Every structure is written in C-alpha cells, then in structure tokens.
C-alpha cells in the first residue's frame, strides 16, 4: 500500500493529537527517572473563574452576607477552620488537610490592571506576562526551555488532556498532552499507522512527507514508551470514576513509574457561575474533594506526599455582590489552594480579602500570581524564575 503525500496528510489529520507529541519526548527513553525525594508539581486549573469568596469564606463578616443575601453561605453550613473563616461545605477533605497542616491558602491573588475576559485573563495566567503584553509562550513551557537548553537530560511536563494549554508551550520545547496513555498507545498502533510506516521507503523530493513520517515514527515510539512506563507501577488505589479522578489516577501511576516528569497539568470546570451558582460550584467541589482525597491518600501510602505539590488557580475570581440570577459575575482577585506534605507555610498564609476596601465592587489583589509561580520555580523545581518569568517577582515562604 503506497500513499501519496496528499493522502497521507488527509488521513494523518485523524491523528492530530498523536502527531502533536514533540520530538524531544524521545529523550524519555534514555533519561534517568525522577526518584523519590525529587519534587513534582501538579497544577489544577479551575476553569471558568471560580468564586473564591464562597470557597474560603469570611463567614462572620457582615459585609459578605450583606453583599450576598441569598448566595452567601451560612456559618452553620460552612466548614469552619478558624473563628472567622470557613471552607465551602463540599470540601470536607480540604478541612482535614488544614487540620493536618497539609493545606496552604493564599488570598487576594491576581495581577495589576486585571482583564475580565476568560480567554485573555487565562492567557495572562498561562503566559505569566503583564496584562498589557501579549506573549505566545507559557511559563511551564519556558521552564522546559530553560531546563533543556544545552543539556542532554531535558525535564518534561505532561498535560492530562487532549489539547495542550498555552502554559505548557515554550519558545523551543513543548510539553505533551495525553489524556490516557493506553488510548494514546492504541491510537498510535492502529493498523493504518503501522501500514503507513511499513510501506514508506523515502521518496526523493518528498521532504514534507518525510517529515511527517518521521514525526509519526517518533510518535509510535514515544506512545509505546509512555504506555509501558504507566504500567510499570500502576496505582492500586481506588479513585472516584469522575474525569478528574481518572486523571489524578493517571498522574499517580506516572509518578510511581518514575518517568522523567516534573510537572503535571489538569483542569476542572466550568466554574463560570453566572446563574444558580450554588449547585454548580457544589457539584464541581464535590468532584475535586473526592478526587484530591484519593490522590493524597495514594501518595501517602506510597511515601510520595512530601515530594508532590498540588496547587489550584482560576483565571479570575467573581464579583463580591451576587447578581439577580443567584450567581456571580466576572471579578478580579482570587484565592489559591496549596496541597502537600512538604509545606512550610500552612493554613491561611495571608489575610482574608478586605471587603471594606474594594475597587468598583471588586477585590483588590495583594499578591501577584507571578510571585507564586516564582516561588514554585525556585524553591520546588530549583529553576531560575527570573530567566523564566522575565523579571524578579520575589518569593514567598510557603515551601
């Protein structure tokens, strides 16, 4: 069976996800793995703009209840962690983490001149750029660039999804998007691809096709490698059958395989709760609570909880006041969760938002999110944050 270049491109488009695997993933096959004791980051993106005020709740603050007469969560229903602060009722495991000293919470996180567009604000968080600049690379991608430039042991990052986020794209290197190693392996080994590779003999003058054949060959090899690594030490722990549960289970198995991966990226959403917020946020938090509970228990039982840092972020918070549809509209500053057995800063790392000091009805940011990134890059991943972020944003003391 001999394919012409045009036919190959047309049929190959069916496997776009597989072909997106970067060629440097081949480096997995010759690299030392990430041993116990080395640090791993898991980024959990809360897509859509999670309402931070109903996540870490100022339950005794009269201004909070005045702004949200129907949407505010009553003190009797919230999960209190201090006399004045509580967590959303659907997050009981996060209160357990707090009581254990394995949860950190950063309030009023944002950036100057915030943008309320989902797409633009997410790009700002992904690229770690000032809001008045447009950057086509992501902060994790540039971390890969910095770690892999001039070295023979590139550090890798994997997004557990079919599509690669901007955060994971560097100027030179890119992470890889893999929702399910078994599915990727199956796609890469379909009869079509095997026959294409078997019948390709390198036709002179067909350089574009040759490039695609080479990409496909790299894909077959890399898919096979990731799949086999994920099966070396599959987790035996029980996880919820949710999408997030399955994705965190995949991450756990890859961590135990000691594949050379330092950053994993997953998403949960949508938190765009303009209407009937309570039901939507409660459902998503229930999923997050159960999945993270299983993940943490799994890491603890395998003595890896101190090596793994999971943190959450959302592209923006919501307005302080509820709207007429029992929801909240796009806001600005928000909070972040930090989950790890290796935290130095625990509990409420900074003050709760000042509801008496708003800007046009929105929370004022007190912590630049790039400072959080800088801290993780320098203190957890042992990278140069100034080189990666383009400026010195300082560090915090939570790790």
Foldseek 3Di string as FASTA:
>chain_A
DDDDLVVCVVVCVVPVLLLPADLCLVLLVVADFADFPAFAEEEEEAEAAAAFCQAWHQQVDPLLCVLEVPQHDHPVQFADLDPGIGGHNLFPVQSVCQVVQFKEKEFQEFAPPADLDRVLLVQCQQQVAHSVDHDQAGLLQLVQVQQVPPDSHTFAEEELASDADRSQHHPPDGHHYHVDLVVLQCVLPDPVNVVNLVPDDDDPPPVVSVVSNVSSVSSNVSSVVLSVLLPPAQQPFDADPDSLLSRLSSVLSNVVSRRRYRYYYYYFDDQNWLAPNVVRVSVRSNNVNRSVVRSCVRCVVVVRQQRYKYKYDYSAHFFSHRDPRSTTGGAGTHMMMIGGPNWPQGDHNDDHFDCVDADVRHTHHDHHVLQVVCQCCCPNVVHHSCSSSVHDRHHDRGD
